Amino acid sequence: MDSKLKDIRKRQKELIENYIKPEGVRDQRVLSAFLKIPRHMFVPARYQRDAYLDVPLPIGKGQTISQPSLVAVMTQALELKGREKVLEVGTGSGFQAAILSQLAKKVYTIEFIGFLADQAARILKKLHCDNVHVEIGDGSQGFLIFAPYDAIIVTAAGN
C-alpha cells in the first residue's frame, strides 16, 4: 500500500472514531462504507486536504457536500439491509449516493443542477458504484419512473 493510500485510510479511520461514532452511529455496515468510499474524490482539488474533517465543503454552483457525521446519521436512520431500492433527492457531489451504493441493492439519485449530476455520475462510475443511477431533474415530486422505493433520503431542499 503506497503512503498516500495509507494516509487516506488513516484519515478515514480518524473521521469515524472522532466524528461519526460520537454521533451515535454504530451500524457496522455504515461504518464500513465510510472506509470504502474516498470522500476526497467528491470535492474540488483545493478542498481535498479538508475532505476528512467533519465539515461541509463547497462543490461548485453554490452547493456543498454535507459533513460526514450528518451523512452517517442520516444513512443509519434508513436501517438498510442490502436488498432495498433507495431514492436520494439531491445528488450534489454524489458522496451520499456512493455510501448508499455500499448498503442497498439499487440507488436512484436525482439532481436539479446538471453540472453536479454529470460530475457525480463520472465519479461514481470511476469508483465502480454500478448500482447507482443518476438523473438530472427536479426531485421535489420524487422520481416516479422507478417508484416505489423501500427508502427515500432527501439531502437537498427544493425551491
N, C-alpha and C. Protein backbone atom coordinates (compact mmCIF):
# COMPACT_ATOMS: atom_id res chain seq x y z
N MET A 1 0.86 -1.18 0.00
CA MET A 1 0.00 0.00 0.00
C MET A 1 0.90 1.24 0.00
N ASP A 2 0.67 2.15 -0.95
CA ASP A 2 1.53 3.34 -1.00
C ASP A 2 1.19 4.31 0.13
N SER A 3 2.05 5.27 0.34
CA SER A 3 1.90 6.17 1.50
C SER A 3 0.67 7.06 1.39
N LYS A 4 0.30 7.46 0.17
CA LYS A 4 -0.90 8.29 0.01
C LYS A 4 -2.16 7.51 0.41
N LEU A 5 -2.25 6.28 -0.05
CA LEU A 5 -3.40 5.43 0.30
C LEU A 5 -3.41 5.14 1.80
N LYS A 6 -2.25 4.91 2.38
CA LYS A 6 -2.15 4.69 3.83
C LYS A 6 -2.67 5.90 4.60
N ASP A 7 -2.29 7.09 4.14
CA ASP A 7 -2.73 8.33 4.78
C ASP A 7 -4.25 8.49 4.68
N ILE A 8 -4.82 8.18 3.52
CA ILE A 8 -6.27 8.27 3.35
C ILE A 8 -6.97 7.31 4.30
N ARG A 9 -6.51 6.07 4.36
CA ARG A 9 -7.11 5.07 5.27
C ARG A 9 -7.04 5.56 6.72
N LYS A 10 -5.91 6.11 7.11
CA LYS A 10 -5.74 6.63 8.47
C LYS A 10 -6.74 7.76 8.74
N ARG A 11 -6.88 8.65 7.78
CA ARG A 11 -7.79 9.78 7.94
C ARG A 11 -9.25 9.33 7.97
N GLN A 12 -9.58 8.30 7.18
CA GLN A 12 -10.93 7.76 7.20
C GLN A 12 -11.24 7.16 8.57
N LYS A 13 -10.30 6.41 9.13
CA LYS A 13 -10.49 5.80 10.45
C LYS A 13 -10.62 6.86 11.53
N GLU A 14 -9.81 7.91 11.44
CA GLU A 14 -9.91 9.02 12.41
C GLU A 14 -11.26 9.71 12.31
N LEU A 15 -11.74 9.91 11.10
CA LEU A 15 -13.05 10.52 10.89
C LEU A 15 -14.13 9.70 11.58
N ILE A 16 -14.08 8.41 11.41
CA ILE A 16 -15.07 7.53 12.02
C ILE A 16 -14.98 7.59 13.55
N GLU A 17 -13.78 7.46 14.08
CA GLU A 17 -13.60 7.43 15.54
C GLU A 17 -13.90 8.77 16.20
N ASN A 18 -13.48 9.86 15.56
CA ASN A 18 -13.58 11.18 16.19
C ASN A 18 -14.89 11.92 15.95
N TYR A 19 -15.58 11.59 14.85
CA TYR A 19 -16.77 12.36 14.50
C TYR A 19 -18.03 11.54 14.26
N ILE A 20 -17.88 10.38 13.66
CA ILE A 20 -19.07 9.60 13.29
C ILE A 20 -19.58 8.76 14.46
N LYS A 21 -18.72 7.99 15.08
CA LYS A 21 -19.15 7.20 16.23
C LYS A 21 -19.67 8.06 17.38
N PRO A 22 -19.04 9.20 17.69
CA PRO A 22 -19.58 10.05 18.77
C PRO A 22 -20.99 10.58 18.50
N GLU A 23 -21.43 10.57 17.25
CA GLU A 23 -22.79 10.98 16.92
C GLU A 23 -23.79 9.84 17.07
N GLY A 24 -23.32 8.69 17.54
CA GLY A 24 -24.21 7.56 17.79
C GLY A 24 -24.31 6.56 16.65
N VAL A 25 -23.48 6.69 15.66
CA VAL A 25 -23.52 5.75 14.53
C VAL A 25 -22.78 4.48 14.94
N ARG A 26 -23.52 3.37 14.99
CA ARG A 26 -22.96 2.09 15.41
C ARG A 26 -23.12 0.99 14.36
N ASP A 27 -23.94 1.25 13.35
CA ASP A 27 -24.19 0.26 12.30
C ASP A 27 -22.87 -0.03 11.59
N GLN A 28 -22.37 -1.25 11.72
CA GLN A 28 -21.08 -1.62 11.16
C GLN A 28 -21.05 -1.53 9.64
N ARG A 29 -22.19 -1.76 9.00
CA ARG A 29 -22.24 -1.63 7.54
C ARG A 29 -22.04 -0.18 7.12
N VAL A 30 -22.62 0.75 7.87
CA VAL A 30 -22.45 2.18 7.57
C VAL A 30 -20.99 2.57 7.79
N LEU A 31 -20.44 2.15 8.91
CA LEU A 31 -19.04 2.48 9.21
C LEU A 31 -18.10 1.91 8.14
N SER A 32 -18.37 0.70 7.71
CA SER A 32 -17.57 0.07 6.68
C SER A 32 -17.65 0.83 5.35
N ALA A 33 -18.83 1.33 5.03
CA ALA A 33 -19.00 2.11 3.79
C ALA A 33 -18.12 3.35 3.81
N PHE A 34 -17.97 3.96 4.98
CA PHE A 34 -17.13 5.16 5.09
C PHE A 34 -15.64 4.82 4.92
N LEU A 35 -15.28 3.58 5.14
CA LEU A 35 -13.89 3.16 4.90
C LEU A 35 -13.66 2.83 3.42
N LYS A 36 -14.72 2.52 2.70
CA LYS A 36 -14.59 2.13 1.30
C LYS A 36 -14.68 3.30 0.33
N ILE A 37 -15.38 4.35 0.72
CA ILE A 37 -15.64 5.46 -0.20
C ILE A 37 -14.71 6.63 0.12
N PRO A 38 -13.85 7.00 -0.81
CA PRO A 38 -12.89 8.10 -0.60
C PRO A 38 -13.55 9.47 -0.79
N ARG A 39 -13.88 10.14 0.32
CA ARG A 39 -14.59 11.42 0.25
C ARG A 39 -13.83 12.48 -0.53
N HIS A 40 -12.52 12.42 -0.50
CA HIS A 40 -11.74 13.46 -1.18
C HIS A 40 -12.00 13.48 -2.69
N MET A 41 -12.46 12.40 -3.25
CA MET A 41 -12.74 12.36 -4.69
C MET A 41 -13.99 13.16 -5.06
N PHE A 42 -14.79 13.51 -4.07
CA PHE A 42 -16.06 14.20 -4.32
C PHE A 42 -15.97 15.71 -4.13
N VAL A 43 -14.79 16.21 -3.85
CA VAL A 43 -14.62 17.66 -3.65
C VAL A 43 -13.55 18.19 -4.60
N PRO A 44 -13.63 19.47 -4.94
CA PRO A 44 -12.60 20.07 -5.79
C PRO A 44 -11.21 19.93 -5.16
N ALA A 45 -10.19 19.89 -5.99
CA ALA A 45 -8.80 19.66 -5.55
C ALA A 45 -8.39 20.60 -4.42
N ARG A 46 -8.80 21.85 -4.46
CA ARG A 46 -8.35 22.80 -3.44
C ARG A 46 -8.94 22.51 -2.05
N TYR A 47 -9.95 21.65 -1.96
CA TYR A 47 -10.56 21.30 -0.67
C TYR A 47 -10.23 19.88 -0.24
N GLN A 48 -9.50 19.14 -1.04
CA GLN A 48 -9.25 17.73 -0.73
C GLN A 48 -8.51 17.54 0.58
N ARG A 49 -7.65 18.47 0.97
CA ARG A 49 -6.93 18.32 2.24
C ARG A 49 -7.89 18.34 3.44
N ASP A 50 -9.08 18.92 3.25
CA ASP A 50 -10.07 19.02 4.32
C ASP A 50 -11.17 17.96 4.21
N ALA A 51 -11.04 17.05 3.26
CA ALA A 51 -12.11 16.10 2.97
C ALA A 51 -12.45 15.18 4.13
N TYR A 52 -11.51 14.94 5.04
CA TYR A 52 -11.78 14.02 6.14
C TYR A 52 -11.99 14.73 7.47
N LEU A 53 -12.27 16.03 7.37
CA LEU A 53 -12.74 16.78 8.54
C LEU A 53 -14.26 16.70 8.54
N ASP A 54 -14.87 16.91 9.68
CA ASP A 54 -16.32 16.82 9.77
C ASP A 54 -16.95 18.18 9.48
N VAL A 55 -16.77 18.60 8.24
CA VAL A 55 -17.29 19.89 7.80
C VAL A 55 -17.89 19.76 6.41
N PRO A 56 -18.90 20.61 6.11
CA PRO A 56 -19.36 20.68 4.72
C PRO A 56 -18.29 21.42 3.90
N LEU A 57 -18.18 21.10 2.63
CA LEU A 57 -17.20 21.74 1.75
C LEU A 57 -17.88 22.14 0.44
N PRO A 58 -17.44 23.25 -0.15
CA PRO A 58 -18.01 23.68 -1.44
C PRO A 58 -17.73 22.67 -2.54
N ILE A 59 -18.73 22.46 -3.41
CA ILE A 59 -18.55 21.56 -4.55
C ILE A 59 -18.85 22.26 -5.88
N GLY A 60 -19.17 23.55 -5.81
CA GLY A 60 -19.49 24.30 -7.02
C GLY A 60 -20.96 24.62 -7.10
N LYS A 61 -21.26 25.61 -7.94
CA LYS A 61 -22.64 26.05 -8.18
C LYS A 61 -23.36 26.44 -6.89
N GLY A 62 -22.60 26.93 -5.90
CA GLY A 62 -23.18 27.36 -4.64
C GLY A 62 -23.64 26.23 -3.73
N GLN A 63 -23.23 25.01 -4.03
CA GLN A 63 -23.64 23.83 -3.26
C GLN A 63 -22.48 23.30 -2.42
N THR A 64 -22.82 22.46 -1.44
CA THR A 64 -21.80 21.86 -0.59
C THR A 64 -22.01 20.36 -0.46
N ILE A 65 -20.93 19.67 -0.13
CA ILE A 65 -21.01 18.28 0.28
C ILE A 65 -21.26 18.31 1.79
N SER A 66 -22.20 17.53 2.26
CA SER A 66 -22.56 17.54 3.68
C SER A 66 -21.42 17.01 4.55
N GLN A 67 -21.43 17.43 5.81
CA GLN A 67 -20.42 16.93 6.73
C GLN A 67 -20.63 15.44 6.93
N PRO A 68 -19.55 14.68 7.02
CA PRO A 68 -19.64 13.21 7.09
C PRO A 68 -20.51 12.68 8.23
N SER A 69 -20.46 13.29 9.40
CA SER A 69 -21.28 12.77 10.50
C SER A 69 -22.76 12.87 10.19
N LEU A 70 -23.17 13.92 9.49
CA LEU A 70 -24.58 14.06 9.11
C LEU A 70 -24.96 12.99 8.09
N VAL A 71 -24.08 12.76 7.12
CA VAL A 71 -24.32 11.71 6.13
C VAL A 71 -24.46 10.36 6.83
N ALA A 72 -23.61 10.10 7.79
CA ALA A 72 -23.63 8.81 8.51
C ALA A 72 -24.91 8.66 9.33
N VAL A 73 -25.30 9.70 10.05
CA VAL A 73 -26.51 9.63 10.88
C VAL A 73 -27.74 9.41 10.00
N MET A 74 -27.84 10.17 8.91
CA MET A 74 -28.99 10.02 8.01
C MET A 74 -29.01 8.63 7.38
N THR A 75 -27.85 8.13 7.01
CA THR A 75 -27.76 6.80 6.39
C THR A 75 -28.15 5.71 7.38
N GLN A 76 -27.65 5.79 8.60
CA GLN A 76 -28.00 4.80 9.61
C GLN A 76 -29.51 4.78 9.86
N ALA A 77 -30.13 5.95 9.84
CA ALA A 77 -31.58 6.05 10.09
C ALA A 77 -32.40 5.27 9.06
N LEU A 78 -31.86 5.05 7.89
CA LEU A 78 -32.58 4.28 6.87
C LEU A 78 -32.68 2.80 7.20
N GLU A 79 -31.79 2.31 8.07
CA GLU A 79 -31.78 0.91 8.50
C GLU A 79 -31.74 -0.06 7.31
N LEU A 80 -30.84 0.20 6.38
CA LEU A 80 -30.75 -0.62 5.17
C LEU A 80 -30.12 -1.98 5.48
N LYS A 81 -30.64 -2.99 4.80
CA LYS A 81 -30.15 -4.36 4.97
C LYS A 81 -29.42 -4.89 3.75
N GLY A 82 -29.56 -4.21 2.60
CA GLY A 82 -28.86 -4.62 1.40
C GLY A 82 -29.75 -5.02 0.24
N ARG A 83 -31.03 -5.15 0.47
CA ARG A 83 -31.97 -5.59 -0.57
C ARG A 83 -32.80 -4.43 -1.13
N GLU A 84 -32.61 -3.24 -0.59
CA GLU A 84 -33.51 -2.13 -0.85
C GLU A 84 -33.21 -1.38 -2.15
N LYS A 85 -34.28 -0.73 -2.62
CA LYS A 85 -34.19 0.24 -3.71
C LYS A 85 -34.40 1.60 -3.05
N VAL A 86 -33.39 2.48 -3.17
CA VAL A 86 -33.38 3.75 -2.45
C VAL A 86 -33.43 4.92 -3.42
N LEU A 87 -34.20 5.92 -3.05
CA LEU A 87 -34.21 7.19 -3.78
C LEU A 87 -33.51 8.24 -2.94
N GLU A 88 -32.56 8.93 -3.57
CA GLU A 88 -31.93 10.09 -2.94
C GLU A 88 -32.33 11.32 -3.74
N VAL A 89 -32.89 12.31 -3.08
CA VAL A 89 -33.24 13.58 -3.72
C VAL A 89 -32.15 14.57 -3.36
N GLY A 90 -31.42 15.01 -4.39
CA GLY A 90 -30.32 15.96 -4.19
C GLY A 90 -28.98 15.27 -4.25
N THR A 91 -28.54 14.87 -5.42
CA THR A 91 -27.29 14.14 -5.60
C THR A 91 -26.09 14.93 -5.13
N GLY A 92 -26.06 16.22 -5.45
CA GLY A 92 -24.90 17.04 -5.10
C GLY A 92 -23.62 16.46 -5.64
N SER A 93 -22.68 16.19 -4.75
CA SER A 93 -21.37 15.64 -5.15
C SER A 93 -21.44 14.17 -5.54
N GLY A 94 -22.43 13.47 -5.04
CA GLY A 94 -22.54 12.03 -5.27
C GLY A 94 -22.04 11.20 -4.09
N PHE A 95 -21.49 11.86 -3.06
CA PHE A 95 -20.92 11.13 -1.93
C PHE A 95 -21.97 10.30 -1.19
N GLN A 96 -23.12 10.90 -0.90
CA GLN A 96 -24.18 10.16 -0.21
C GLN A 96 -24.61 8.95 -1.04
N ALA A 97 -24.75 9.14 -2.35
CA ALA A 97 -25.13 8.02 -3.23
C ALA A 97 -24.07 6.92 -3.20
N ALA A 98 -22.81 7.31 -3.16
CA ALA A 98 -21.73 6.31 -3.10
C ALA A 98 -21.80 5.51 -1.81
N ILE A 99 -22.05 6.18 -0.70
CA ILE A 99 -22.21 5.49 0.58
C ILE A 99 -23.40 4.53 0.49
N LEU A 100 -24.52 5.03 -0.04
CA LEU A 100 -25.71 4.18 -0.17
C LEU A 100 -25.47 2.99 -1.09
N SER A 101 -24.61 3.17 -2.09
CA SER A 101 -24.33 2.07 -3.03
C SER A 101 -23.73 0.86 -2.33
N GLN A 102 -23.08 1.09 -1.21
CA GLN A 102 -22.47 0.01 -0.44
C GLN A 102 -23.49 -0.71 0.45
N LEU A 103 -24.66 -0.13 0.59
CA LEU A 103 -25.64 -0.61 1.57
C LEU A 103 -26.97 -1.05 1.00
N ALA A 104 -27.26 -0.70 -0.26
CA ALA A 104 -28.54 -1.00 -0.87
C ALA A 104 -28.33 -1.74 -2.19
N LYS A 105 -29.37 -2.38 -2.65
CA LYS A 105 -29.29 -3.10 -3.92
C LYS A 105 -29.21 -2.12 -5.10
N LYS A 106 -30.03 -1.08 -5.06
CA LYS A 106 -30.09 -0.10 -6.15
C LYS A 106 -30.34 1.28 -5.57
N VAL A 107 -29.64 2.28 -6.11
CA VAL A 107 -29.80 3.67 -5.67
C VAL A 107 -30.14 4.52 -6.88
N TYR A 108 -31.24 5.26 -6.77
CA TYR A 108 -31.62 6.24 -7.77
C TYR A 108 -31.44 7.60 -7.12
N THR A 109 -30.69 8.48 -7.79
CA THR A 109 -30.42 9.79 -7.23
C THR A 109 -30.72 10.84 -8.28
N ILE A 110 -31.38 11.90 -7.86
CA ILE A 110 -31.81 12.95 -8.79
C ILE A 110 -31.27 14.30 -8.34
N GLU A 111 -30.74 15.04 -9.31
CA GLU A 111 -30.10 16.33 -9.04
C GLU A 111 -30.61 17.38 -10.02
N PHE A 112 -30.99 18.53 -9.52
CA PHE A 112 -31.51 19.62 -10.32
C PHE A 112 -30.44 20.29 -11.18
N ILE A 113 -29.22 20.39 -10.65
CA ILE A 113 -28.13 21.09 -11.34
C ILE A 113 -27.37 20.08 -12.21
N GLY A 114 -27.52 20.23 -13.52
CA GLY A 114 -26.95 19.28 -14.46
C GLY A 114 -25.44 19.09 -14.31
N PHE A 115 -24.71 20.17 -14.10
CA PHE A 115 -23.26 20.09 -13.94
C PHE A 115 -22.91 19.16 -12.78
N LEU A 116 -23.59 19.31 -11.65
CA LEU A 116 -23.31 18.47 -10.48
C LEU A 116 -23.70 17.02 -10.74
N ALA A 117 -24.84 16.81 -11.38
CA ALA A 117 -25.27 15.43 -11.69
C ALA A 117 -24.25 14.74 -12.60
N ASP A 118 -23.80 15.45 -13.62
CA ASP A 118 -22.83 14.86 -14.55
C ASP A 118 -21.51 14.56 -13.85
N GLN A 119 -21.06 15.48 -13.02
CA GLN A 119 -19.81 15.28 -12.28
C GLN A 119 -19.92 14.11 -11.32
N ALA A 120 -21.05 14.03 -10.60
CA ALA A 120 -21.27 12.93 -9.67
C ALA A 120 -21.29 11.59 -10.42
N ALA A 121 -21.96 11.56 -11.56
CA ALA A 121 -22.04 10.32 -12.33
C ALA A 121 -20.65 9.85 -12.76
N ARG A 122 -19.79 10.78 -13.16
CA ARG A 122 -18.43 10.41 -13.56
C ARG A 122 -17.65 9.82 -12.39
N ILE A 123 -17.76 10.44 -11.22
CA ILE A 123 -17.03 9.94 -10.05
C ILE A 123 -17.56 8.58 -9.63
N LEU A 124 -18.87 8.44 -9.60
CA LEU A 124 -19.49 7.17 -9.21
C LEU A 124 -19.07 6.05 -10.17
N LYS A 125 -19.00 6.36 -11.45
CA LYS A 125 -18.55 5.36 -12.42
C LYS A 125 -17.10 4.98 -12.17
N LYS A 126 -16.27 5.98 -11.91
CA LYS A 126 -14.85 5.73 -11.65
C LYS A 126 -14.66 4.83 -10.42
N LEU A 127 -15.54 4.97 -9.43
CA LEU A 127 -15.47 4.17 -8.21
C LEU A 127 -16.22 2.84 -8.33
N HIS A 128 -16.75 2.57 -9.51
CA HIS A 128 -17.48 1.32 -9.78
C HIS A 128 -18.73 1.17 -8.90
N CYS A 129 -19.40 2.29 -8.67
CA CYS A 129 -20.69 2.26 -7.95
C CYS A 129 -21.76 1.99 -9.01
N ASP A 130 -21.74 0.79 -9.55
CA ASP A 130 -22.56 0.44 -10.70
C ASP A 130 -24.04 0.28 -10.40
N ASN A 131 -24.39 0.26 -9.13
CA ASN A 131 -25.80 0.13 -8.76
C ASN A 131 -26.45 1.50 -8.52
N VAL A 132 -25.79 2.59 -8.93
CA VAL A 132 -26.33 3.94 -8.78
C VAL A 132 -26.74 4.49 -10.14
N HIS A 133 -27.96 4.99 -10.21
CA HIS A 133 -28.47 5.65 -11.41
C HIS A 133 -28.64 7.13 -11.09
N VAL A 134 -27.93 7.99 -11.81
CA VAL A 134 -28.00 9.44 -11.60
C VAL A 134 -28.90 10.05 -12.67
N GLU A 135 -29.81 10.89 -12.23
CA GLU A 135 -30.74 11.55 -13.14
C GLU A 135 -30.70 13.05 -12.90
N ILE A 136 -30.80 13.81 -13.98
CA ILE A 136 -30.92 15.27 -13.88
C ILE A 136 -32.40 15.59 -13.87
N GLY A 137 -32.84 16.35 -12.86
CA GLY A 137 -34.24 16.72 -12.81
C GLY A 137 -34.62 17.33 -11.47
N ASP A 138 -35.88 17.69 -11.39
CA ASP A 138 -36.45 18.28 -10.18
C ASP A 138 -37.01 17.16 -9.33
N GLY A 139 -36.35 16.88 -8.22
CA GLY A 139 -36.78 15.78 -7.35
C GLY A 139 -37.82 16.18 -6.32
N SER A 140 -38.34 17.41 -6.41
CA SER A 140 -39.29 17.85 -5.38
C SER A 140 -40.57 17.03 -5.38
N GLN A 141 -40.86 16.35 -6.48
CA GLN A 141 -42.03 15.47 -6.55
C GLN A 141 -41.63 14.00 -6.53
N GLY A 142 -40.38 13.74 -6.14
CA GLY A 142 -39.89 12.37 -6.13
C GLY A 142 -39.32 12.02 -7.49
N PHE A 143 -39.28 10.76 -7.79
CA PHE A 143 -38.77 10.26 -9.07
C PHE A 143 -39.61 9.04 -9.41
N LEU A 144 -40.78 9.30 -9.98
CA LEU A 144 -41.82 8.29 -10.13
C LEU A 144 -41.47 7.15 -11.07
N ILE A 145 -40.59 7.37 -12.03
CA ILE A 145 -40.30 6.35 -13.04
C ILE A 145 -39.91 5.01 -12.41
N PHE A 146 -39.13 5.07 -11.33
CA PHE A 146 -38.63 3.84 -10.71
C PHE A 146 -39.33 3.51 -9.38
N ALA A 147 -40.37 4.26 -9.04
CA ALA A 147 -41.11 4.02 -7.80
C ALA A 147 -41.82 2.67 -7.90
N PRO A 148 -42.12 2.06 -6.78
CA PRO A 148 -41.92 2.52 -5.40
C PRO A 148 -40.50 2.24 -4.89
N TYR A 149 -40.14 2.93 -3.83
CA TYR A 149 -38.83 2.78 -3.20
C TYR A 149 -39.01 2.21 -1.80
N ASP A 150 -37.99 1.52 -1.35
CA ASP A 150 -38.01 0.99 0.02
C ASP A 150 -37.58 2.04 1.02
N ALA A 151 -36.80 3.02 0.56
CA ALA A 151 -36.33 4.09 1.44
C ALA A 151 -36.09 5.34 0.58
N ILE A 152 -36.33 6.50 1.16
CA ILE A 152 -36.10 7.77 0.49
C ILE A 152 -35.31 8.66 1.44
N ILE A 153 -34.28 9.31 0.90
CA ILE A 153 -33.49 10.24 1.68
C ILE A 153 -33.43 11.55 0.90
N VAL A 154 -33.72 12.65 1.58
CA VAL A 154 -33.69 13.96 0.97
C VAL A 154 -32.49 14.70 1.50
N THR A 155 -31.54 14.97 0.61
CA THR A 155 -30.28 15.58 1.04
C THR A 155 -30.15 17.02 0.55
N ALA A 156 -31.19 17.53 -0.11
CA ALA A 156 -31.19 18.92 -0.57
C ALA A 156 -32.63 19.41 -0.58
N ALA A 157 -32.80 20.67 -0.27
CA ALA A 157 -34.14 21.27 -0.25
C ALA A 157 -34.47 21.84 -1.61
N GLY A 158 -35.74 21.78 -1.97
CA GLY A 158 -36.20 22.36 -3.22
C GLY A 158 -36.55 23.83 -3.01
N ASN A 159 -36.71 24.51 -4.12
CA ASN A 159 -37.07 25.94 -4.06
C ASN A 159 -38.53 26.10 -3.75
